[in-house]
Amino acid sequence: MTIRLTINTMPVEVAEGTTILEAARKLKVNVPTLCYDERMKPHGGCRLCLVEVDGMAKPVTSCTTPAVDGMVVATESEKLHRLRKNVVDLLISDHPNDCMVCIRAGSCTLQELAYRYGVRQSRYQGEMRDHDLADANPFVLREQNKCVLCGLCVRVCDEVQGVGAIGFAGRGFDAKICPPFERELDCEFCGQCISVCPTGALSAKSWAGFPRHEGVRQTETTCGYCGCGCNITVHTHGNEITRITSRPDNHNRGWLCVKGRFGSEFVGSPDRLQTPLIRRRKGGELEAASWDEALQLISSRFQKIRQQHGPDALAGLASARCTNEENYMFQKLFRAGLGTNNVDHCARY
């Protein structure tokens, strides 16, 4: 069943159960958010997505309010602008003013909101939180003084990963996000929390020291760690990989595992083979060879073993880093070409 409503004098038709925010985005109307992610359940915590609805006495959060047939909505007004600016002002009042050296400068939602609403310096003065804690893990850098308590990291850890490694602790001014009993972070280190964090509160330790945007190229490719084929964006500066991300509109919805997000060191390893190596005599050293020579050697050895000992003397061990199509061809080679069912792979999840 579909319903019709009007947003900023523009009519729109959506399915029943659609929220006002989803309907607004269908019209390409930019309603600011800080705690919303379409891949997770609505939270309504940041109060930035407030809209005015005819017949309602007060503004409502568009991310949690279902659209109703005949509803008339306004996403911009002097009152809404003032309310949103005040929310951003309050967040900035308890936020370190170090955008110049922050790893998320230029890709920080709070920074963009401050620019949008002209909050250069907070009107609110007073004590600021001091929750910083240095973790010993090699993957995730937590700078809790930059946390805006949007809860995205908590929700992705619970709703998507099903781990629940972090949660809210404390109340009011002392509220913060941390592991149970405020211990050091010790989890799967998938990095999903980093991918949804709208500020510099969570970042990857591997990002440190690399340029943030200047001279950084982004290349869309496919993760090579397994046959799932997750789409990734490789950020490079010169010949070095600075970070790995994934867009929410990819088939994997922007989610990556710890290997896909952090395991890129092998790309620039000096130990990587650049050409096939073969032994031209028994007991000899491995020597560089052309692909034609290496493949011809493998083919001749396979045929010799098959003729002397039968096809079941051969076995194939496939790589979990290959695509499903490549592994299909691999098993086809052994089953149909060589005549053996001795096929296995190295994946042991």
C-alpha atoms as a PDB file:
ATOM      1  CA  MET A   1       0.000   0.000   0.000  1.00  0.00           C
ATOM      2  CA  THR A   2       1.270   3.459  -0.886  1.00  0.00           C
ATOM      3  CA  ILE A   3       0.600   6.815   0.726  1.00  0.00           C
ATOM      4  CA  ARG A   4       0.966  10.372  -0.511  1.00  0.00           C
ATOM      5  CA  LEU A   5       2.371  13.305   1.416  1.00  0.00           C
ATOM      6  CA  THR A   6       3.832  16.739   0.713  1.00  0.00           C
ATOM      7  CA  ILE A   7       7.338  17.804   1.709  1.00  0.00           C
ATOM      8  CA  ASN A   8       8.362  21.430   1.148  1.00  0.00           C
ATOM      9  CA  THR A   9       5.342  21.821  -1.194  1.00  0.00           C
ATOM     10  CA  MET A  10       6.554  18.846  -3.266  1.00  0.00           C
ATOM     11  CA  PRO A  11       4.259  15.784  -3.470  1.00  0.00           C
ATOM     12  CA  VAL A  12       5.789  12.342  -2.987  1.00  0.00           C
ATOM     13  CA  GLU A  13       4.412   8.794  -2.992  1.00  0.00           C
ATOM     14  CA  VAL A  14       5.997   6.201  -0.700  1.00  0.00           C
ATOM     15  CA  ALA A  15       5.200   2.801   0.742  1.00  0.00           C
ATOM     16  CA  GLU A  16       3.302   2.617   3.993  1.00  0.00           C
ATOM     17  CA  GLY A  17       5.708   2.500   6.945  1.00  0.00           C
ATOM     18  CA  THR A  18       8.250   4.789   5.298  1.00  0.00           C
ATOM     19  CA  THR A  19       9.644   7.447   7.624  1.00  0.00           C
ATOM     20  CA  ILE A  20       9.514  11.155   6.856  1.00  0.00           C
ATOM     21  CA  LEU A  21      13.293  11.198   6.444  1.00  0.00           C
ATOM     22  CA  GLU A  22      13.204   8.382   3.885  1.00  0.00           C
ATOM     23  CA  ALA A  23      10.466  10.185   1.977  1.00  0.00           C
ATOM     24  CA  ALA A  24      12.477  13.414   2.044  1.00  0.00           C
ATOM     25  CA  ARG A  25      15.542  11.646   0.706  1.00  0.00           C
ATOM     26  CA  LYS A  26      13.454  10.224  -2.104  1.00  0.00           C
ATOM     27  CA  LEU A  27      12.864  13.855  -3.128  1.00  0.00           C
ATOM     28  CA  LYS A  28      16.599  14.611  -2.709  1.00  0.00           C
ATOM     29  CA  VAL A  29      15.762  16.945   0.190  1.00  0.00           C
ATOM     30  CA  ASN A  30      18.818  17.338   2.416  1.00  0.00           C
ATOM     31  CA  VAL A  31      17.737  16.872   6.026  1.00  0.00           C
ATOM     32  CA  PRO A  32      20.802  16.949   8.338  1.00  0.00           C
ATOM     33  CA  THR A  33      21.508  13.885  10.486  1.00  0.00           C
ATOM     34  CA  LEU A  34      24.280  12.721  12.764  1.00  0.00           C
ATOM     35  CA  CYS A  35      23.041   9.447  14.251  1.00  0.00           C
ATOM     36  CA  TYR A  36      21.128   8.073  11.248  1.00  0.00           C
ATOM     37  CA  ASP A  37      22.295   5.245   9.022  1.00  0.00           C
ATOM     38  CA  GLU A  38      19.827   3.664   6.603  1.00  0.00           C
ATOM     39  CA  ARG A  39      21.464   0.273   7.167  1.00  0.00           C
ATOM     40  CA  MET A  40      20.421   0.248  10.838  1.00  0.00           C
ATOM     41  CA  LYS A  41      17.325   0.863  12.926  1.00  0.00           C
ATOM     42  CA  PRO A  42      16.386   4.534  13.490  1.00  0.00           C
ATOM     43  CA  HIS A  43      17.724   5.985  16.717  1.00  0.00           C
ATOM     44  CA  GLY A  44      16.517   9.592  16.939  1.00  0.00           C
ATOM     45  CA  GLY A  45      19.294  10.626  19.295  1.00  0.00           C
ATOM     46  CA  CYS A  46      20.954  13.607  17.650  1.00  0.00           C
ATOM     47  CA  ARG A  47      17.738  15.661  17.149  1.00  0.00           C
ATOM     48  CA  LEU A  48      19.151  17.262  13.991  1.00  0.00           C
ATOM     49  CA  CYS A  49      16.574  15.757  11.637  1.00  0.00           C
ATOM     50  CA  LEU A  50      13.710  17.694  13.242  1.00  0.00           C
ATOM     51  CA  VAL A  51      10.918  18.709  10.865  1.00  0.00           C
ATOM     52  CA  GLU A  52       7.627  20.537  11.237  1.00  0.00           C
ATOM     53  CA  VAL A  53       4.378  18.721  10.459  1.00  0.00           C
ATOM     54  CA  ASP A  54       1.074  20.525   9.986  1.00  0.00           C
ATOM     55  CA  GLY A  55      -1.202  19.757  12.918  1.00  0.00           C
ATOM     56  CA  MET A  56       1.610  18.839  15.324  1.00  0.00           C
ATOM     57  CA  ALA A  57       2.452  21.297  18.084  1.00  0.00           C
ATOM     58  CA  LYS A  58       6.198  20.603  18.141  1.00  0.00           C
ATOM     59  CA  PRO A  59       8.843  19.542  15.634  1.00  0.00           C
ATOM     60  CA  VAL A  60       9.386  15.774  15.371  1.00  0.00           C
ATOM     61  CA  THR A  61      12.381  13.627  14.472  1.00  0.00           C
ATOM     62  CA  SER A  62      11.968  12.680  10.827  1.00  0.00           C
ATOM     63  CA  CYS A  63      14.057   9.500  11.134  1.00  0.00           C
ATOM     64  CA  THR A  64      11.654   7.875  13.618  1.00  0.00           C
ATOM     65  CA  THR A  65       8.309   9.370  12.565  1.00  0.00           C
ATOM     66  CA  PRO A  66       6.326   7.325  10.018  1.00  0.00           C
ATOM     67  CA  ALA A  67       4.863   9.220   7.092  1.00  0.00           C
ATOM     68  CA  VAL A  68       1.054   9.393   7.038  1.00  0.00           C
ATOM     69  CA  ASP A  69      -1.220   9.801   4.064  1.00  0.00           C
ATOM     70  CA  GLY A  70      -1.970  13.483   3.472  1.00  0.00           C
ATOM     71  CA  MET A  71       0.808  14.694   5.780  1.00  0.00           C
ATOM     72  CA  VAL A  72       2.290  18.126   5.041  1.00  0.00           C
ATOM     73  CA  VAL A  73       5.914  18.509   6.112  1.00  0.00           C
ATOM     74  CA  ALA A  74       8.383  21.396   6.189  1.00  0.00           C
ATOM     75  CA  THR A  75      12.088  20.558   6.550  1.00  0.00           C
ATOM     76  CA  GLU A  76      13.357  24.148   6.593  1.00  0.00           C
ATOM     77  CA  SER A  77      12.170  27.141   8.609  1.00  0.00           C
ATOM     78  CA  GLU A  78      13.656  29.807  10.822  1.00  0.00           C
ATOM     79  CA  LYS A  79      12.673  27.812  13.906  1.00  0.00           C
ATOM     80  CA  LEU A  80      14.225  24.561  12.627  1.00  0.00           C
ATOM     81  CA  HIS A  81      17.402  26.374  11.626  1.00  0.00           C
ATOM     82  CA  ARG A  82      17.683  27.823  15.132  1.00  0.00           C
ATOM     83  CA  LEU A  83      17.056  24.469  16.823  1.00  0.00           C
ATOM     84  CA  ARG A  84      19.596  22.627  14.675  1.00  0.00           C
ATOM     85  CA  LYS A  85      22.200  25.346  15.102  1.00  0.00           C
ATOM     86  CA  ASN A  86      21.763  25.145  18.861  1.00  0.00           C
ATOM     87  CA  VAL A  87      22.305  21.369  18.814  1.00  0.00           C
ATOM     88  CA  VAL A  88      25.510  21.770  16.787  1.00  0.00           C
ATOM     89  CA  ASP A  89      26.602  24.581  19.113  1.00  0.00           C
ATOM     90  CA  LEU A  90      26.150  22.333  22.161  1.00  0.00           C
ATOM     91  CA  LEU A  91      28.152  19.543  20.506  1.00  0.00           C
ATOM     92  CA  ILE A  92      30.968  21.911  19.590  1.00  0.00           C
ATOM     93  CA  SER A  93      31.055  23.225  23.169  1.00  0.00           C
ATOM     94  CA  ASP A  94      32.300  19.812  24.340  1.00  0.00           C
ATOM     95  CA  HIS A  95      34.453  18.979  21.343  1.00  0.00           C
ATOM     96  CA  PRO A  96      38.218  19.489  20.895  1.00  0.00           C
ATOM     97  CA  ASN A  97      38.947  22.335  18.517  1.00  0.00           C
ATOM     98  CA  ASP A  98      41.700  20.526  16.618  1.00  0.00           C
ATOM     99  CA  CYS A  99      40.270  20.130  13.119  1.00  0.00           C
ATOM    100  CA  MET A 100      43.615  21.230  11.674  1.00  0.00           C
ATOM    101  CA  VAL A 101      45.293  18.016  12.813  1.00  0.00           C
ATOM    102  CA  CYS A 102      42.301  15.654  13.044  1.00  0.00           C
ATOM    103  CA  ILE A 103      42.459  12.536  10.857  1.00  0.00           C
ATOM    104  CA  ARG A 104      38.825  13.083   9.798  1.00  0.00           C
ATOM    105  CA  ALA A 105      39.166  16.710   8.683  1.00  0.00           C
ATOM    106  CA  GLY A 106      37.309  17.062   5.403  1.00  0.00           C
ATOM    107  CA  SER A 107      35.255  13.907   5.975  1.00  0.00           C
ATOM    108  CA  CYS A 108      33.743  14.776   9.359  1.00  0.00           C
ATOM    109  CA  THR A 109      29.965  15.158   9.608  1.00  0.00           C
ATOM    110  CA  LEU A 110      30.195  17.445  12.646  1.00  0.00           C
ATOM    111  CA  GLN A 111      32.631  19.691  10.804  1.00  0.00           C
ATOM    112  CA  GLU A 112      30.236  19.953   7.868  1.00  0.00           C
ATOM    113  CA  LEU A 113      27.321  20.749  10.175  1.00  0.00           C
ATOM    114  CA  ALA A 114      29.306  23.474  11.920  1.00  0.00           C
ATOM    115  CA  TYR A 115      30.093  24.954   8.513  1.00  0.00           C
ATOM    116  CA  ARG A 116      26.471  24.653   7.373  1.00  0.00           C
ATOM    117  CA  TYR A 117      25.101  26.449  10.415  1.00  0.00           C
ATOM    118  CA  GLY A 118      27.941  28.915  10.853  1.00  0.00           C
ATOM    119  CA  VAL A 119      29.126  27.704  14.248  1.00  0.00           C
ATOM    120  CA  ARG A 120      32.701  28.986  14.346  1.00  0.00           C
ATOM    121  CA  GLN A 121      33.015  29.081  18.126  1.00  0.00           C
ATOM    122  CA  SER A 122      30.569  27.818  20.735  1.00  0.00           C
ATOM    123  CA  ARG A 123      28.600  30.254  22.846  1.00  0.00           C
ATOM    124  CA  TYR A 124      28.627  27.765  25.720  1.00  0.00           C
ATOM    125  CA  GLN A 125      31.638  27.793  28.002  1.00  0.00           C
ATOM    126  CA  GLY A 126      32.500  25.480  30.859  1.00  0.00           C
ATOM    127  CA  GLU A 127      34.112  22.169  31.735  1.00  0.00           C
ATOM    128  CA  MET A 128      34.803  19.679  28.950  1.00  0.00           C
ATOM    129  CA  ARG A 129      34.899  15.906  29.157  1.00  0.00           C
ATOM    130  CA  ASP A 130      38.229  14.099  29.346  1.00  0.00           C
ATOM    131  CA  HIS A 131      37.678  10.453  28.446  1.00  0.00           C
ATOM    132  CA  ASP A 132      40.714   9.728  26.286  1.00  0.00           C
ATOM    133  CA  LEU A 133      42.103   6.231  26.636  1.00  0.00           C
ATOM    134  CA  ALA A 134      44.992   4.769  24.636  1.00  0.00           C
ATOM    135  CA  ASP A 135      44.307   1.185  23.549  1.00  0.00           C
ATOM    136  CA  ALA A 136      47.108  -1.287  22.986  1.00  0.00           C
ATOM    137  CA  ASN A 137      45.427  -2.941  19.973  1.00  0.00           C
ATOM    138  CA  PRO A 138      47.064  -2.430  16.558  1.00  0.00           C
ATOM    139  CA  PHE A 139      43.895  -1.496  14.650  1.00  0.00           C
ATOM    140  CA  VAL A 140      41.478   0.977  16.261  1.00  0.00           C
ATOM    141  CA  LEU A 141      42.401   4.405  17.612  1.00  0.00           C
ATOM    142  CA  ARG A 142      39.843   5.787  20.080  1.00  0.00           C
ATOM    143  CA  GLU A 143      39.769   9.508  20.817  1.00  0.00           C
ATOM    144  CA  GLN A 144      36.720   9.667  23.046  1.00  0.00           C
ATOM    145  CA  ASN A 145      36.909  13.423  23.594  1.00  0.00           C
ATOM    146  CA  LYS A 146      35.715  13.706  19.982  1.00  0.00           C
ATOM    147  CA  CYS A 147      32.761  11.378  20.538  1.00  0.00           C
ATOM    148  CA  VAL A 148      29.318  12.968  20.079  1.00  0.00           C
ATOM    149  CA  LEU A 149      27.457   9.949  21.565  1.00  0.00           C
ATOM    150  CA  CYS A 150      25.533   9.325  18.346  1.00  0.00           C
ATOM    151  CA  GLY A 151      25.575   5.603  19.136  1.00  0.00           C
ATOM    152  CA  LEU A 152      26.323   4.488  15.569  1.00  0.00           C
ATOM    153  CA  CYS A 153      29.327   2.420  16.660  1.00  0.00           C
ATOM    154  CA  VAL A 154      27.329   0.716  19.419  1.00  0.00           C
ATOM    155  CA  ARG A 155      24.469  -0.101  17.079  1.00  0.00           C
ATOM    156  CA  VAL A 156      26.602  -1.445  14.221  1.00  0.00           C
ATOM    157  CA  CYS A 157      28.493  -3.658  16.665  1.00  0.00           C
ATOM    158  CA  ASP A 158      25.209  -5.008  18.005  1.00  0.00           C
ATOM    159  CA  GLU A 159      22.861  -5.017  14.995  1.00  0.00           C
ATOM    160  CA  VAL A 160      25.281  -5.887  12.188  1.00  0.00           C
ATOM    161  CA  GLN A 161      28.156  -7.773  13.807  1.00  0.00           C
ATOM    162  CA  GLY A 162      26.160  -9.253  16.681  1.00  0.00           C
ATOM    163  CA  VAL A 163      29.152  -8.816  18.978  1.00  0.00           C
ATOM    164  CA  GLY A 164      28.179  -6.086  21.440  1.00  0.00           C
ATOM    165  CA  ALA A 165      31.793  -5.274  22.268  1.00  0.00           C
ATOM    166  CA  ILE A 166      30.983  -1.671  23.228  1.00  0.00           C
ATOM    167  CA  GLY A 167      28.090   0.174  24.820  1.00  0.00           C
ATOM    168  CA  PHE A 168      27.000   3.299  26.649  1.00  0.00           C
ATOM    169  CA  ALA A 169      28.326   3.855  30.160  1.00  0.00           C
ATOM    170  CA  GLY A 170      27.684   6.624  32.657  1.00  0.00           C
ATOM    171  CA  ARG A 171      24.990   9.263  32.539  1.00  0.00           C
ATOM    172  CA  GLY A 172      24.737  12.938  31.685  1.00  0.00           C
ATOM    173  CA  PHE A 173      28.072  14.706  31.540  1.00  0.00           C
ATOM    174  CA  ASP A 174      29.921  11.469  32.381  1.00  0.00           C
ATOM    175  CA  ALA A 175      28.309   9.446  29.579  1.00  0.00           C
ATOM    176  CA  LYS A 176      30.706   7.705  27.223  1.00  0.00           C
ATOM    177  CA  ILE A 177      31.044   4.701  24.949  1.00  0.00           C
ATOM    178  CA  CYS A 178      33.412   1.967  26.042  1.00  0.00           C
ATOM    179  CA  PRO A 179      33.859  -1.816  26.401  1.00  0.00           C
ATOM    180  CA  PRO A 180      32.419  -3.508  29.507  1.00  0.00           C
ATOM    181  CA  PHE A 181      33.976  -2.289  32.774  1.00  0.00           C
ATOM    182  CA  GLU A 182      35.905   0.354  30.790  1.00  0.00           C
ATOM    183  CA  ARG A 183      38.530  -2.151  29.750  1.00  0.00           C
ATOM    184  CA  GLU A 184      40.716  -1.761  26.691  1.00  0.00           C
ATOM    185  CA  LEU A 185      39.054  -2.542  23.382  1.00  0.00           C
ATOM    186  CA  ASP A 186      39.531  -6.239  22.624  1.00  0.00           C
ATOM    187  CA  CYS A 187      37.144  -7.502  19.976  1.00  0.00           C
ATOM    188  CA  GLU A 188      37.101  -8.860  16.413  1.00  0.00           C
ATOM    189  CA  PHE A 189      38.538  -5.551  15.128  1.00  0.00           C
ATOM    190  CA  CYS A 190      36.359  -5.667  12.039  1.00  0.00           C
ATOM    191  CA  GLY A 191      36.436  -1.866  11.902  1.00  0.00           C
ATOM    192  CA  GLN A 192      32.699  -1.462  11.299  1.00  0.00           C
ATOM    193  CA  CYS A 193      32.600   1.088  14.125  1.00  0.00           C
ATOM    194  CA  ILE A 194      35.249   3.143  12.330  1.00  0.00           C
ATOM    195  CA  SER A 195      33.281   3.098   9.088  1.00  0.00           C
ATOM    196  CA  VAL A 196      30.153   4.621  10.680  1.00  0.00           C
ATOM    197  CA  CYS A 197      31.759   7.086  13.097  1.00  0.00           C
ATOM    198  CA  PRO A 198      30.829  10.625  11.945  1.00  0.00           C
ATOM    199  CA  THR A 199      33.777  12.310  13.701  1.00  0.00           C
ATOM    200  CA  GLY A 200      37.403  11.546  14.525  1.00  0.00           C
ATOM    201  CA  ALA A 201      36.451   9.625  17.668  1.00  0.00           C
ATOM    202  CA  LEU A 202      37.230   6.326  15.929  1.00  0.00           C
ATOM    203  CA  SER A 203      39.867   5.889  13.257  1.00  0.00           C
ATOM    204  CA  ALA A 204      42.352   3.291  12.086  1.00  0.00           C
ATOM    205  CA  LYS A 205      45.859   3.439  13.486  1.00  0.00           C
ATOM    206  CA  SER A 206      47.145   2.516  10.029  1.00  0.00           C
ATOM    207  CA  TRP A 207      45.824   5.843   8.684  1.00  0.00           C
ATOM    208  CA  ALA A 208      48.172   7.912  10.842  1.00  0.00           C
ATOM    209  CA  GLY A 209      50.915   9.804   9.061  1.00  0.00           C
ATOM    210  CA  PHE A 210      49.373   9.574   5.593  1.00  0.00           C
ATOM    211  CA  PRO A 211      47.791  12.513   3.734  1.00  0.00           C
ATOM    212  CA  ARG A 212      44.056  12.844   4.361  1.00  0.00           C
ATOM    213  CA  HIS A 213      42.905  14.163   0.973  1.00  0.00           C
ATOM    214  CA  GLU A 214      45.633  16.059  -0.874  1.00  0.00           C
ATOM    215  CA  GLY A 215      47.117  13.841  -3.584  1.00  0.00           C
ATOM    216  CA  VAL A 216      45.067  10.821  -2.501  1.00  0.00           C
ATOM    217  CA  ARG A 217      43.532   8.733  -5.282  1.00  0.00           C
ATOM    218  CA  GLN A 218      40.493   6.513  -4.794  1.00  0.00           C
ATOM    219  CA  THR A 219      40.187   3.336  -6.833  1.00  0.00           C
ATOM    220  CA  GLU A 220      37.125   1.091  -6.840  1.00  0.00           C
ATOM    221  CA  THR A 221      38.088  -2.578  -6.860  1.00  0.00           C
ATOM    222  CA  THR A 222      37.256  -5.971  -5.346  1.00  0.00           C
ATOM    223  CA  CYS A 223      38.715  -7.339  -2.138  1.00  0.00           C
ATOM    224  CA  GLY A 224      41.092 -10.211  -2.847  1.00  0.00           C
ATOM    225  CA  TYR A 225      40.966 -11.960   0.516  1.00  0.00           C
ATOM    226  CA  CYS A 226      38.168 -14.422  -0.225  1.00  0.00           C
ATOM    227  CA  GLY A 227      35.554 -15.371  -2.787  1.00  0.00           C
ATOM    228  CA  CYS A 228      32.832 -13.128  -1.298  1.00  0.00           C
ATOM    229  CA  GLY A 229      33.891 -10.378  -3.691  1.00  0.00           C
ATOM    230  CA  CYS A 230      33.258  -7.361  -1.454  1.00  0.00           C
ATOM    231  CA  ASN A 231      33.606  -4.026  -3.222  1.00  0.00           C
ATOM    232  CA  ILE A 232      36.251  -1.788  -1.674  1.00  0.00           C
ATOM    233  CA  THR A 233      37.686   1.667  -2.267  1.00  0.00           C
ATOM    234  CA  VAL A 234      41.478   1.752  -2.110  1.00  0.00           C
ATOM    235  CA  HIS A 235      42.914   5.120  -1.075  1.00  0.00           C
ATOM    236  CA  THR A 236      46.457   5.541  -2.358  1.00  0.00           C
ATOM    237  CA  HIS A 237      49.116   8.232  -2.144  1.00  0.00           C
ATOM    238  CA  GLY A 238      51.943   7.580  -4.575  1.00  0.00           C
ATOM    239  CA  ASN A 239      52.611   3.848  -4.410  1.00  0.00           C
ATOM    240  CA  GLU A 240      51.306   3.399  -0.867  1.00  0.00           C
ATOM    241  CA  ILE A 241      47.854   2.357   0.307  1.00  0.00           C
ATOM    242  CA  THR A 242      46.666   4.847   2.930  1.00  0.00           C
ATOM    243  CA  ARG A 243      43.352   3.226   3.846  1.00  0.00           C
ATOM    244  CA  ILE A 244      40.638   0.814   2.680  1.00  0.00           C
ATOM    245  CA  THR A 245      36.964   1.803   2.783  1.00  0.00           C
ATOM    246  CA  SER A 246      33.722   0.601   1.222  1.00  0.00           C
ATOM    247  CA  ARG A 247      30.666   2.564   0.097  1.00  0.00           C
ATOM    248  CA  PRO A 248      27.210   1.872   1.608  1.00  0.00           C
ATOM    249  CA  ASP A 249      25.738   1.431  -1.888  1.00  0.00           C
ATOM    250  CA  ASN A 250      28.010  -1.542  -2.651  1.00  0.00           C
ATOM    251  CA  HIS A 251      26.573  -5.055  -2.659  1.00  0.00           C
ATOM    252  CA  ASN A 252      28.296  -5.649   0.701  1.00  0.00           C
ATOM    253  CA  ARG A 253      26.598  -2.453   1.979  1.00  0.00           C
ATOM    254  CA  GLY A 254      29.917  -0.964   3.047  1.00  0.00           C
ATOM    255  CA  TRP A 255      30.664  -3.717   5.574  1.00  0.00           C
ATOM    256  CA  LEU A 256      34.118  -5.312   5.591  1.00  0.00           C
ATOM    257  CA  CYS A 257      35.937  -7.879   7.723  1.00  0.00           C
ATOM    258  CA  VAL A 258      39.188  -7.215   9.554  1.00  0.00           C
ATOM    259  CA  LYS A 259      41.232  -8.630   6.668  1.00  0.00           C
ATOM    260  CA  GLY A 260      39.492  -6.619   3.995  1.00  0.00           C
ATOM    261  CA  ARG A 261      39.713  -3.363   5.946  1.00  0.00           C
ATOM    262  CA  PHE A 262      43.161  -3.619   7.507  1.00  0.00           C
ATOM    263  CA  GLY A 263      45.079  -6.376   5.720  1.00  0.00           C
ATOM    264  CA  SER A 264      46.694  -4.446   2.877  1.00  0.00           C
ATOM    265  CA  GLU A 265      50.354  -4.548   3.962  1.00  0.00           C
ATOM    266  CA  PHE A 266      51.085  -7.493   1.674  1.00  0.00           C
ATOM    267  CA  VAL A 267      50.520  -5.325  -1.410  1.00  0.00           C
ATOM    268  CA  GLY A 268      53.810  -3.479  -0.960  1.00  0.00           C
ATOM    269  CA  SER A 269      55.742  -6.365   0.598  1.00  0.00           C
ATOM    270  CA  PRO A 270      59.227  -6.907  -0.876  1.00  0.00           C
ATOM    271  CA  ASP A 271      58.709 -10.667  -0.400  1.00  0.00           C
ATOM    272  CA  ARG A 272      55.980 -10.862  -3.058  1.00  0.00           C
ATOM    273  CA  LEU A 273      56.810 -13.015  -6.061  1.00  0.00           C
ATOM    274  CA  GLN A 274      56.975 -11.092  -9.332  1.00  0.00           C
ATOM    275  CA  THR A 275      57.700 -13.996 -11.642  1.00  0.00           C
ATOM    276  CA  PRO A 276      57.287 -17.809 -11.552  1.00  0.00           C
ATOM    277  CA  LEU A 277      60.118 -19.763  -9.900  1.00  0.00           C
ATOM    278  CA  ILE A 278      61.082 -23.323 -10.907  1.00  0.00           C
ATOM    279  CA  ARG A 279      63.844 -25.830 -10.133  1.00  0.00           C
ATOM    280  CA  ARG A 280      65.531 -26.784 -13.377  1.00  0.00           C
ATOM    281  CA  ARG A 281      67.367 -29.667 -11.723  1.00  0.00           C
ATOM    282  CA  LYS A 282      66.705 -31.844  -8.686  1.00  0.00           C
ATOM    283  CA  GLY A 283      67.967 -30.229  -5.508  1.00  0.00           C
ATOM    284  CA  GLY A 284      68.801 -27.041  -7.332  1.00  0.00           C
ATOM    285  CA  GLU A 285      67.869 -23.489  -6.419  1.00  0.00           C
ATOM    286  CA  LEU A 286      64.617 -21.862  -7.461  1.00  0.00           C
ATOM    287  CA  GLU A 287      65.172 -19.790 -10.583  1.00  0.00           C
ATOM    288  CA  ALA A 288      63.049 -17.183 -12.329  1.00  0.00           C
ATOM    289  CA  ALA A 289      61.137 -18.439 -15.360  1.00  0.00           C
ATOM    290  CA  SER A 290      58.572 -17.236 -17.851  1.00  0.00           C
ATOM    291  CA  TRP A 291      54.899 -18.141 -17.448  1.00  0.00           C
ATOM    292  CA  ASP A 292      55.044 -20.285 -20.593  1.00  0.00           C
ATOM    293  CA  GLU A 293      57.961 -22.290 -19.235  1.00  0.00           C
ATOM    294  CA  ALA A 294      56.368 -22.711 -15.793  1.00  0.00           C
ATOM    295  CA  LEU A 295      52.976 -23.796 -17.180  1.00  0.00           C
ATOM    296  CA  GLN A 296      54.612 -26.218 -19.619  1.00  0.00           C
ATOM    297  CA  LEU A 297      56.547 -27.787 -16.744  1.00  0.00           C
ATOM    298  CA  ILE A 298      53.404 -28.192 -14.618  1.00  0.00           C
ATOM    299  CA  SER A 299      51.486 -29.703 -17.521  1.00  0.00           C
ATOM    300  CA  SER A 300      54.201 -32.234 -18.334  1.00  0.00           C
ATOM    301  CA  ARG A 301      54.605 -33.269 -14.683  1.00  0.00           C
ATOM    302  CA  PHE A 302      50.845 -33.713 -14.260  1.00  0.00           C
ATOM    303  CA  GLN A 303      50.639 -35.909 -17.352  1.00  0.00           C
ATOM    304  CA  LYS A 304      53.604 -38.010 -16.228  1.00  0.00           C
ATOM    305  CA  ILE A 305      52.184 -38.616 -12.731  1.00  0.00           C
ATOM    306  CA  ARG A 306      48.748 -39.419 -14.165  1.00  0.00           C
ATOM    307  CA  GLN A 307      50.177 -41.955 -16.614  1.00  0.00           C
ATOM    308  CA  GLN A 308      52.376 -43.692 -14.015  1.00  0.00           C
ATOM    309  CA  HIS A 309      50.149 -43.637 -10.920  1.00  0.00           C
ATOM    310  CA  GLY A 310      46.621 -42.780 -12.061  1.00  0.00           C
ATOM    311  CA  PRO A 311      44.578 -39.580 -11.653  1.00  0.00           C
ATOM    312  CA  ASP A 312      43.970 -40.078  -7.905  1.00  0.00           C
ATOM    313  CA  ALA A 313      47.685 -39.560  -7.302  1.00  0.00           C
ATOM    314  CA  LEU A 314      46.964 -35.892  -8.040  1.00  0.00           C
ATOM    315  CA  ALA A 315      45.216 -33.424  -5.754  1.00  0.00           C
ATOM    316  CA  GLY A 316      44.418 -29.741  -5.983  1.00  0.00           C
ATOM    317  CA  LEU A 317      44.432 -27.175  -3.157  1.00  0.00           C
ATOM    318  CA  ALA A 318      42.590 -24.004  -4.186  1.00  0.00           C
ATOM    319  CA  SER A 319      42.965 -20.551  -2.715  1.00  0.00           C
ATOM    320  CA  ALA A 320      40.149 -18.925  -0.763  1.00  0.00           C
ATOM    321  CA  ARG A 321      41.396 -15.592  -2.121  1.00  0.00           C
ATOM    322  CA  CYS A 322      40.285 -16.502  -5.625  1.00  0.00           C
ATOM    323  CA  THR A 323      36.850 -15.629  -6.899  1.00  0.00           C
ATOM    324  CA  ASN A 324      34.093 -18.241  -7.001  1.00  0.00           C
ATOM    325  CA  GLU A 325      34.461 -18.340 -10.782  1.00  0.00           C
ATOM    326  CA  GLU A 326      38.205 -19.003 -10.572  1.00  0.00           C
ATOM    327  CA  ASN A 327      37.722 -21.784  -8.036  1.00  0.00           C
ATOM    328  CA  TYR A 328      34.988 -23.289 -10.207  1.00  0.00           C
ATOM    329  CA  MET A 329      37.428 -23.471 -13.120  1.00  0.00           C
ATOM    330  CA  PHE A 330      40.080 -24.913 -10.790  1.00  0.00           C
ATOM    331  CA  GLN A 331      37.904 -27.819  -9.652  1.00  0.00           C
ATOM    332  CA  LYS A 332      36.734 -28.324 -13.240  1.00  0.00           C
ATOM    333  CA  LEU A 333      40.364 -28.731 -14.309  1.00  0.00           C
ATOM    334  CA  PHE A 334      40.939 -31.483 -11.728  1.00  0.00           C
ATOM    335  CA  ARG A 335      37.609 -33.272 -12.033  1.00  0.00           C
ATOM    336  CA  ALA A 336      37.007 -33.093 -15.778  1.00  0.00           C
ATOM    337  CA  GLY A 337      40.524 -32.530 -17.076  1.00  0.00           C
ATOM    338  CA  LEU A 338      42.630 -34.748 -14.813  1.00  0.00           C
ATOM    339  CA  GLY A 339      39.912 -37.116 -13.626  1.00  0.00           C
ATOM    340  CA  THR A 340      40.211 -36.819  -9.837  1.00  0.00           C
ATOM    341  CA  ASN A 341      37.904 -35.565  -7.123  1.00  0.00           C
ATOM    342  CA  ASN A 342      40.806 -34.775  -4.792  1.00  0.00           C
ATOM    343  CA  VAL A 343      40.039 -31.058  -4.523  1.00  0.00           C
ATOM    344  CA  ASP A 344      40.163 -28.937  -1.371  1.00  0.00           C
ATOM    345  CA  HIS A 345      40.714 -25.306  -0.422  1.00  0.00           C
ATOM    346  CA  CYS A 346      42.575 -23.382   2.255  1.00  0.00           C
ATOM    347  CA  ALA A 347      39.632 -21.533   3.815  1.00  0.00           C
ATOM    348  CA  ARG A 348      38.950 -22.498   7.411  1.00  0.00           C
ATOM    349  CA  TYR A 349      36.580 -19.864   8.765  1.00  0.00           C
END
